[in-house]
């Protein structure tokens, strides 16, 4: 049984790794970082609940042996890279609009995606706009604004 689960997990990881890295191709620039983040989160939730991404809960829940842990770590690294690619244009726009004075560190850039993934894994997904707005207002925006990279005021 353990071998069968491992084979299925490895197959799912392979399937996810073959999925295009960008979840969305339409750039967001509403003129407000808050609104852009809410729209990005809504797209992220919608797109990660379909296709091979819907297997994340299974992957995380059944990563029991060292081989699966390595695969899972590699997958999370790839996902983080893709998430950084998604949020970078929003942060650049926010700097251009004067909403961000400093460039947020990587941990702050990933907090939105990590929180959404965590909620999904524990089977408590963000189901309402109010939950999503609270996450953006109370966690994501404060983290982005407070965690700048020293001496790096402008990204470009």
N, C-alpha and C. Protein backbone atom coordinates (compact mmCIF):
# COMPACT_ATOMS: atom_id res chain seq x y z
N UNK A 1 0.82 -1.19 0.00
CA UNK A 1 0.00 0.00 0.00
C UNK A 1 0.87 1.26 0.00
N UNK A 2 1.95 1.25 0.78
CA UNK A 2 2.84 2.41 0.84
C UNK A 2 3.46 2.70 -0.51
N UNK A 3 3.84 1.65 -1.24
CA UNK A 3 4.42 1.83 -2.57
C UNK A 3 3.40 2.42 -3.53
N UNK A 4 2.17 1.96 -3.46
CA UNK A 4 1.12 2.46 -4.33
C UNK A 4 0.86 3.94 -4.07
N UNK A 5 0.81 4.33 -2.79
CA UNK A 5 0.63 5.74 -2.46
C UNK A 5 1.79 6.55 -2.99
N UNK A 6 3.02 6.05 -2.82
CA UNK A 6 4.21 6.74 -3.30
C UNK A 6 4.16 6.94 -4.81
N UNK A 7 3.77 5.90 -5.53
CA UNK A 7 3.68 6.00 -6.99
C UNK A 7 2.64 7.04 -7.38
N UNK A 8 1.50 7.02 -6.71
CA UNK A 8 0.46 8.01 -7.02
C UNK A 8 0.93 9.42 -6.71
N UNK A 9 1.60 9.61 -5.58
CA UNK A 9 2.10 10.93 -5.22
C UNK A 9 3.11 11.40 -6.25
N UNK A 10 4.05 10.53 -6.61
CA UNK A 10 5.05 10.91 -7.59
C UNK A 10 4.41 11.23 -8.93
N UNK A 11 3.37 10.48 -9.31
CA UNK A 11 2.66 10.77 -10.55
C UNK A 11 1.99 12.13 -10.48
N UNK A 12 1.35 12.44 -9.35
CA UNK A 12 0.68 13.74 -9.19
C UNK A 12 1.70 14.87 -9.21
N UNK A 13 2.83 14.70 -8.53
CA UNK A 13 3.88 15.72 -8.55
C UNK A 13 4.35 15.95 -9.97
N UNK A 14 4.57 14.86 -10.70
CA UNK A 14 4.99 14.96 -12.09
C UNK A 14 3.93 15.71 -12.89
N UNK A 15 2.66 15.40 -12.66
CA UNK A 15 1.56 16.04 -13.37
C UNK A 15 1.54 17.54 -13.07
N UNK A 16 1.71 17.91 -11.82
CA UNK A 16 1.70 19.32 -11.43
C UNK A 16 2.91 20.03 -12.02
N UNK A 17 4.08 19.38 -12.00
CA UNK A 17 5.27 20.02 -12.53
C UNK A 17 5.16 20.29 -14.02
N UNK A 18 4.34 19.53 -14.73
CA UNK A 18 4.16 19.74 -16.16
C UNK A 18 3.16 20.85 -16.46
N UNK A 19 2.47 21.33 -15.41
CA UNK A 19 1.50 22.41 -15.58
C UNK A 19 2.25 23.71 -15.80
N UNK A 20 1.77 24.56 -16.70
CA UNK A 20 2.46 25.84 -16.92
C UNK A 20 2.63 26.60 -15.61
N UNK A 21 3.78 27.29 -15.49
CA UNK A 21 4.16 27.90 -14.23
C UNK A 21 3.26 29.08 -13.86
N UNK A 22 2.80 29.84 -14.83
CA UNK A 22 1.99 31.02 -14.53
C UNK A 22 0.52 30.63 -14.39
N UNK A 23 -0.07 31.00 -13.27
CA UNK A 23 -1.48 30.71 -13.06
C UNK A 23 -2.36 31.67 -13.84
N UNK A 24 -1.88 32.85 -14.05
CA UNK A 24 -2.68 33.85 -14.75
C UNK A 24 -1.78 34.64 -15.68
N UNK A 25 -2.30 35.02 -16.82
CA UNK A 25 -1.49 35.78 -17.76
C UNK A 25 -1.97 37.21 -17.90
N UNK A 26 -3.11 37.53 -17.32
CA UNK A 26 -3.64 38.88 -17.40
C UNK A 26 -3.03 39.72 -16.29
N UNK A 27 -2.26 40.75 -16.63
CA UNK A 27 -1.67 41.57 -15.58
C UNK A 27 -2.74 42.35 -14.81
N UNK A 28 -2.49 42.52 -13.53
CA UNK A 28 -3.41 43.26 -12.68
C UNK A 28 -2.82 44.64 -12.40
N UNK A 29 -3.59 45.67 -12.62
CA UNK A 29 -3.19 47.02 -12.24
C UNK A 29 -4.43 47.87 -12.13
N UNK A 30 -5.11 47.74 -10.99
CA UNK A 30 -6.33 48.51 -10.77
C UNK A 30 -6.02 49.89 -10.21
N UNK A 31 -4.74 50.11 -9.89
CA UNK A 31 -4.36 51.37 -9.26
C UNK A 31 -4.30 51.27 -7.75
N UNK A 32 -4.63 50.09 -7.21
CA UNK A 32 -4.62 49.86 -5.76
C UNK A 32 -4.01 48.50 -5.47
N UNK A 33 -2.97 48.48 -4.66
CA UNK A 33 -2.33 47.21 -4.29
C UNK A 33 -3.35 46.30 -3.59
N UNK A 34 -4.16 46.85 -2.71
CA UNK A 34 -5.15 46.06 -1.98
C UNK A 34 -6.11 45.37 -2.95
N UNK A 35 -6.65 46.11 -3.89
CA UNK A 35 -7.59 45.53 -4.86
C UNK A 35 -6.88 44.50 -5.74
N UNK A 36 -5.66 44.82 -6.17
CA UNK A 36 -4.89 43.86 -6.98
C UNK A 36 -4.67 42.56 -6.21
N UNK A 37 -4.34 42.66 -4.92
CA UNK A 37 -4.10 41.47 -4.11
C UNK A 37 -5.37 40.64 -3.95
N UNK A 38 -6.51 41.31 -3.75
CA UNK A 38 -7.78 40.59 -3.62
C UNK A 38 -8.09 39.85 -4.92
N UNK A 39 -7.92 40.53 -6.05
CA UNK A 39 -8.18 39.88 -7.35
C UNK A 39 -7.22 38.73 -7.60
N UNK A 40 -5.94 38.93 -7.26
CA UNK A 40 -4.95 37.86 -7.42
C UNK A 40 -5.33 36.66 -6.55
N UNK A 41 -5.72 36.91 -5.32
CA UNK A 41 -6.10 35.82 -4.41
C UNK A 41 -7.33 35.08 -4.94
N UNK A 42 -8.31 35.81 -5.46
CA UNK A 42 -9.50 35.17 -6.02
C UNK A 42 -9.11 34.29 -7.21
N UNK A 43 -8.26 34.79 -8.09
CA UNK A 43 -7.80 33.99 -9.24
C UNK A 43 -7.02 32.77 -8.78
N UNK A 44 -6.15 32.98 -7.79
CA UNK A 44 -5.34 31.90 -7.25
C UNK A 44 -6.22 30.79 -6.70
N UNK A 45 -7.23 31.15 -5.91
CA UNK A 45 -8.14 30.16 -5.33
C UNK A 45 -8.89 29.43 -6.44
N UNK A 46 -9.40 30.18 -7.40
CA UNK A 46 -10.16 29.56 -8.49
C UNK A 46 -9.29 28.61 -9.30
N UNK A 47 -8.10 29.05 -9.65
CA UNK A 47 -7.26 28.24 -10.52
C UNK A 47 -6.60 27.08 -9.81
N UNK A 48 -6.33 27.21 -8.51
CA UNK A 48 -5.71 26.09 -7.79
C UNK A 48 -6.71 25.07 -7.31
N UNK A 49 -7.98 25.32 -7.50
CA UNK A 49 -8.99 24.33 -7.11
C UNK A 49 -9.41 23.47 -8.30
N UNK A 50 -8.75 23.64 -9.44
CA UNK A 50 -9.05 22.85 -10.62
C UNK A 50 -7.77 22.21 -11.15
N UNK A 51 -7.92 21.31 -12.08
CA UNK A 51 -6.76 20.66 -12.71
C UNK A 51 -5.90 19.93 -11.70
N UNK A 52 -4.63 19.77 -11.99
CA UNK A 52 -3.76 19.00 -11.10
C UNK A 52 -3.52 19.69 -9.76
N UNK A 53 -3.74 21.00 -9.67
CA UNK A 53 -3.53 21.70 -8.41
C UNK A 53 -4.45 21.20 -7.31
N UNK A 54 -5.59 20.62 -7.68
CA UNK A 54 -6.53 20.16 -6.66
C UNK A 54 -5.96 18.99 -5.84
N UNK A 55 -4.84 18.44 -6.25
CA UNK A 55 -4.23 17.32 -5.53
C UNK A 55 -3.26 17.77 -4.44
N UNK A 56 -3.08 19.08 -4.23
CA UNK A 56 -2.13 19.54 -3.23
C UNK A 56 -2.43 18.97 -1.85
N UNK A 57 -3.69 18.96 -1.44
CA UNK A 57 -4.04 18.46 -0.12
C UNK A 57 -3.59 17.01 0.01
N UNK A 58 -3.86 16.20 -1.02
CA UNK A 58 -3.42 14.81 -1.01
C UNK A 58 -1.91 14.71 -0.92
N UNK A 59 -1.21 15.52 -1.70
CA UNK A 59 0.25 15.48 -1.70
C UNK A 59 0.82 15.81 -0.33
N UNK A 60 0.32 16.86 0.28
CA UNK A 60 0.84 17.26 1.58
C UNK A 60 0.45 16.26 2.66
N UNK A 61 -0.74 15.75 2.58
CA UNK A 61 -1.22 14.83 3.61
C UNK A 61 -0.53 13.48 3.55
N UNK A 62 -0.05 13.07 2.39
CA UNK A 62 0.50 11.72 2.26
C UNK A 62 2.00 11.70 1.98
N UNK A 63 2.67 12.82 2.17
CA UNK A 63 4.12 12.85 1.98
C UNK A 63 4.78 12.23 3.22
N UNK A 64 4.83 10.90 3.24
CA UNK A 64 5.22 10.19 4.46
C UNK A 64 6.68 9.78 4.50
N UNK A 65 7.27 9.46 3.37
CA UNK A 65 8.64 8.97 3.43
C UNK A 65 9.62 10.00 2.88
N UNK A 66 10.90 9.73 3.01
CA UNK A 66 11.93 10.69 2.63
C UNK A 66 11.87 11.04 1.14
N UNK A 67 11.59 10.08 0.29
CA UNK A 67 11.51 10.34 -1.15
C UNK A 67 10.40 11.34 -1.43
N UNK A 68 9.24 11.14 -0.83
CA UNK A 68 8.14 12.07 -1.03
C UNK A 68 8.46 13.44 -0.47
N UNK A 69 9.16 13.49 0.67
CA UNK A 69 9.54 14.77 1.26
C UNK A 69 10.43 15.55 0.31
N UNK A 70 11.39 14.87 -0.32
CA UNK A 70 12.27 15.56 -1.27
C UNK A 70 11.47 16.07 -2.46
N UNK A 71 10.58 15.23 -2.98
CA UNK A 71 9.75 15.65 -4.11
C UNK A 71 8.87 16.83 -3.73
N UNK A 72 8.31 16.76 -2.53
CA UNK A 72 7.43 17.82 -2.06
C UNK A 72 8.20 19.12 -1.87
N UNK A 73 9.40 19.04 -1.31
CA UNK A 73 10.24 20.23 -1.13
C UNK A 73 10.57 20.86 -2.47
N UNK A 74 10.92 20.03 -3.44
CA UNK A 74 11.22 20.53 -4.78
C UNK A 74 9.99 21.18 -5.39
N UNK A 75 8.84 20.58 -5.23
CA UNK A 75 7.61 21.13 -5.77
C UNK A 75 7.28 22.47 -5.12
N UNK A 76 7.41 22.56 -3.80
CA UNK A 76 7.11 23.81 -3.09
C UNK A 76 8.06 24.91 -3.54
N UNK A 77 9.31 24.58 -3.77
CA UNK A 77 10.27 25.56 -4.28
C UNK A 77 9.84 26.09 -5.64
N UNK A 78 9.40 25.20 -6.52
CA UNK A 78 8.91 25.62 -7.83
C UNK A 78 7.65 26.46 -7.70
N UNK A 79 6.78 26.09 -6.80
CA UNK A 79 5.54 26.84 -6.59
C UNK A 79 5.86 28.23 -6.04
N UNK A 80 6.77 28.30 -5.09
CA UNK A 80 7.16 29.61 -4.54
C UNK A 80 7.71 30.51 -5.63
N UNK A 81 8.54 29.96 -6.50
CA UNK A 81 9.09 30.75 -7.62
C UNK A 81 7.96 31.27 -8.50
N UNK A 82 6.99 30.42 -8.81
CA UNK A 82 5.85 30.84 -9.63
C UNK A 82 5.05 31.91 -8.91
N UNK A 83 4.87 31.76 -7.60
CA UNK A 83 4.11 32.75 -6.83
C UNK A 83 4.83 34.10 -6.79
N UNK A 84 6.14 34.08 -6.67
CA UNK A 84 6.91 35.32 -6.70
C UNK A 84 6.75 36.02 -8.06
N UNK A 85 6.71 35.21 -9.11
CA UNK A 85 6.50 35.76 -10.45
C UNK A 85 5.12 36.41 -10.57
N UNK A 86 4.12 35.84 -9.91
CA UNK A 86 2.77 36.39 -9.94
C UNK A 86 2.66 37.71 -9.19
N UNK A 87 3.33 37.82 -8.06
CA UNK A 87 3.14 39.01 -7.22
C UNK A 87 4.07 40.16 -7.60
N UNK A 88 5.17 39.88 -8.26
CA UNK A 88 6.14 40.93 -8.58
C UNK A 88 5.53 42.10 -9.36
N UNK A 89 4.74 41.86 -10.40
CA UNK A 89 4.16 43.01 -11.11
C UNK A 89 3.24 43.86 -10.23
N UNK A 90 2.54 43.24 -9.29
CA UNK A 90 1.67 43.99 -8.39
C UNK A 90 2.49 44.91 -7.49
N UNK A 91 3.62 44.39 -7.02
CA UNK A 91 4.48 45.18 -6.14
C UNK A 91 5.15 46.31 -6.91
N UNK A 92 5.56 46.03 -8.13
CA UNK A 92 6.14 47.07 -8.98
C UNK A 92 5.12 48.18 -9.22
N UNK A 93 3.89 47.80 -9.53
CA UNK A 93 2.82 48.78 -9.72
C UNK A 93 2.60 49.59 -8.45
N UNK A 94 2.60 48.91 -7.30
CA UNK A 94 2.38 49.59 -6.03
C UNK A 94 3.49 50.61 -5.76
N UNK A 95 4.71 50.28 -6.11
CA UNK A 95 5.80 51.24 -5.95
C UNK A 95 5.61 52.42 -6.91
N UNK A 96 5.23 52.12 -8.13
CA UNK A 96 5.01 53.18 -9.12
C UNK A 96 3.87 54.11 -8.70
N UNK A 97 2.87 53.58 -7.99
CA UNK A 97 1.73 54.37 -7.52
C UNK A 97 2.01 55.02 -6.16
N UNK A 98 3.19 54.76 -5.58
CA UNK A 98 3.54 55.34 -4.29
C UNK A 98 2.96 54.62 -3.08
N UNK A 99 2.43 53.40 -3.28
CA UNK A 99 1.84 52.65 -2.16
C UNK A 99 2.89 51.88 -1.35
N UNK A 100 3.99 51.54 -1.96
CA UNK A 100 5.08 50.85 -1.27
C UNK A 100 6.33 51.70 -1.39
N UNK A 101 6.95 51.97 -0.26
CA UNK A 101 8.17 52.76 -0.27
C UNK A 101 9.42 51.89 -0.34
N UNK A 102 9.30 50.66 0.12
CA UNK A 102 10.42 49.72 0.12
C UNK A 102 9.96 48.41 -0.51
N UNK A 103 10.90 47.67 -1.05
CA UNK A 103 10.60 46.38 -1.69
C UNK A 103 10.49 45.31 -0.61
N UNK A 104 9.35 44.61 -0.53
CA UNK A 104 9.16 43.58 0.51
C UNK A 104 10.11 42.41 0.34
N UNK A 105 10.49 41.82 1.46
CA UNK A 105 11.34 40.64 1.37
C UNK A 105 10.53 39.44 0.85
N UNK A 106 11.23 38.38 0.53
CA UNK A 106 10.59 37.21 -0.09
C UNK A 106 9.54 36.58 0.80
N UNK A 107 9.79 36.50 2.09
CA UNK A 107 8.81 35.90 3.01
C UNK A 107 7.49 36.66 2.95
N UNK A 108 7.56 37.97 2.93
CA UNK A 108 6.34 38.78 2.87
C UNK A 108 5.65 38.62 1.52
N UNK A 109 6.42 38.49 0.46
CA UNK A 109 5.84 38.32 -0.88
C UNK A 109 5.07 37.01 -0.98
N UNK A 110 5.49 36.01 -0.24
CA UNK A 110 4.87 34.68 -0.33
C UNK A 110 3.74 34.46 0.68
N UNK A 111 3.56 35.35 1.63
CA UNK A 111 2.61 35.11 2.72
C UNK A 111 1.19 34.89 2.22
N UNK A 112 0.74 35.61 1.22
CA UNK A 112 -0.62 35.42 0.69
C UNK A 112 -0.80 34.00 0.19
N UNK A 113 0.12 33.55 -0.64
CA UNK A 113 0.00 32.21 -1.24
C UNK A 113 0.13 31.12 -0.18
N UNK A 114 1.04 31.31 0.77
CA UNK A 114 1.22 30.31 1.82
C UNK A 114 -0.01 30.20 2.71
N UNK A 115 -0.62 31.32 3.02
CA UNK A 115 -1.83 31.30 3.84
C UNK A 115 -2.99 30.62 3.11
N UNK A 116 -3.14 30.93 1.84
CA UNK A 116 -4.21 30.29 1.05
C UNK A 116 -3.98 28.80 0.93
N UNK A 117 -2.73 28.41 0.72
CA UNK A 117 -2.41 26.98 0.62
C UNK A 117 -2.65 26.29 1.96
N UNK A 118 -2.24 26.93 3.04
CA UNK A 118 -2.44 26.35 4.38
C UNK A 118 -3.92 26.14 4.65
N UNK A 119 -4.73 27.15 4.36
CA UNK A 119 -6.18 27.04 4.60
C UNK A 119 -6.77 25.90 3.78
N UNK A 120 -6.29 25.72 2.57
CA UNK A 120 -6.79 24.64 1.73
C UNK A 120 -6.36 23.28 2.29
N UNK A 121 -5.11 23.18 2.73
CA UNK A 121 -4.59 21.91 3.23
C UNK A 121 -5.35 21.46 4.47
N UNK A 122 -5.69 22.39 5.35
CA UNK A 122 -6.42 22.00 6.56
C UNK A 122 -7.93 21.95 6.31
N UNK A 123 -8.30 22.06 5.07
CA UNK A 123 -9.70 21.95 4.65
C UNK A 123 -10.57 23.07 5.23
N UNK A 124 -9.99 24.26 5.32
CA UNK A 124 -10.70 25.45 5.75
C UNK A 124 -10.45 26.57 4.73
N UNK A 125 -10.83 26.35 3.48
CA UNK A 125 -10.52 27.33 2.44
C UNK A 125 -11.21 28.67 2.68
N UNK A 126 -10.64 29.71 2.11
CA UNK A 126 -11.25 31.04 2.17
C UNK A 126 -12.48 31.02 1.28
N UNK A 127 -13.65 30.93 1.89
CA UNK A 127 -14.88 30.79 1.12
C UNK A 127 -15.61 32.10 0.85
N UNK A 128 -15.28 33.13 1.60
CA UNK A 128 -16.02 34.38 1.43
C UNK A 128 -15.09 35.52 1.09
N UNK A 129 -15.65 36.54 0.46
CA UNK A 129 -14.87 37.73 0.15
C UNK A 129 -14.40 38.40 1.44
N UNK A 130 -15.21 38.33 2.49
CA UNK A 130 -14.84 38.95 3.76
C UNK A 130 -13.61 38.26 4.36
N UNK A 131 -13.55 36.93 4.32
CA UNK A 131 -12.38 36.21 4.81
C UNK A 131 -11.14 36.61 4.03
N UNK A 132 -11.28 36.70 2.73
CA UNK A 132 -10.17 37.06 1.87
C UNK A 132 -9.73 38.50 2.13
N UNK A 133 -10.68 39.39 2.25
CA UNK A 133 -10.37 40.79 2.53
C UNK A 133 -9.68 40.93 3.88
N UNK A 134 -10.15 40.20 4.89
CA UNK A 134 -9.50 40.24 6.21
C UNK A 134 -8.06 39.75 6.12
N UNK A 135 -7.83 38.68 5.37
CA UNK A 135 -6.46 38.17 5.20
C UNK A 135 -5.57 39.24 4.55
N UNK A 136 -6.07 39.88 3.52
CA UNK A 136 -5.29 40.91 2.82
C UNK A 136 -5.03 42.09 3.76
N UNK A 137 -6.09 42.59 4.41
CA UNK A 137 -5.97 43.78 5.25
C UNK A 137 -5.18 43.56 6.53
N UNK A 138 -5.35 42.41 7.17
CA UNK A 138 -4.77 42.19 8.49
C UNK A 138 -3.43 41.47 8.47
N UNK A 139 -3.14 40.76 7.37
CA UNK A 139 -1.89 39.99 7.34
C UNK A 139 -1.00 40.39 6.16
N UNK A 140 -1.53 40.32 4.95
CA UNK A 140 -0.69 40.47 3.76
C UNK A 140 -0.18 41.90 3.60
N UNK A 141 -1.07 42.89 3.60
CA UNK A 141 -0.62 44.27 3.42
C UNK A 141 0.34 44.72 4.53
N UNK A 142 0.03 44.46 5.81
CA UNK A 142 1.01 44.84 6.84
C UNK A 142 2.37 44.15 6.65
N UNK A 143 2.36 42.89 6.25
CA UNK A 143 3.62 42.18 6.03
C UNK A 143 4.40 42.80 4.87
N UNK A 144 3.71 43.12 3.78
CA UNK A 144 4.38 43.71 2.62
C UNK A 144 4.96 45.09 2.96
N UNK A 145 4.23 45.86 3.73
CA UNK A 145 4.66 47.22 4.05
C UNK A 145 5.75 47.27 5.10
N UNK A 146 5.83 46.27 5.96
CA UNK A 146 6.76 46.30 7.09
C UNK A 146 8.04 45.52 6.87
N UNK A 147 8.15 44.81 5.77
CA UNK A 147 9.26 43.85 5.65
C UNK A 147 10.19 44.16 4.49
N UNK A 148 10.47 45.39 4.27
CA UNK A 148 11.28 45.77 3.12
C UNK A 148 12.71 45.31 3.21
N UNK A 149 13.29 45.16 2.05
CA UNK A 149 14.70 44.81 1.94
C UNK A 149 15.50 46.09 2.21
N UNK A 150 16.48 46.00 3.09
CA UNK A 150 17.26 47.18 3.47
C UNK A 150 17.92 47.81 2.26
N UNK A 151 17.87 49.12 2.21
CA UNK A 151 18.50 49.91 1.15
C UNK A 151 18.03 49.59 -0.25
N UNK A 152 16.83 49.07 -0.36
CA UNK A 152 16.31 48.77 -1.69
C UNK A 152 14.93 49.43 -1.79
N UNK A 153 14.93 50.67 -2.17
CA UNK A 153 13.67 51.42 -2.18
C UNK A 153 12.90 51.23 -3.47
N UNK A 154 13.58 50.95 -4.54
CA UNK A 154 12.89 50.76 -5.81
C UNK A 154 13.40 49.50 -6.46
N UNK A 155 12.46 48.71 -6.93
CA UNK A 155 12.80 47.42 -7.54
C UNK A 155 13.51 47.61 -8.87
N UNK A 156 13.02 48.53 -9.68
CA UNK A 156 13.61 48.70 -11.01
C UNK A 156 14.44 49.95 -11.05
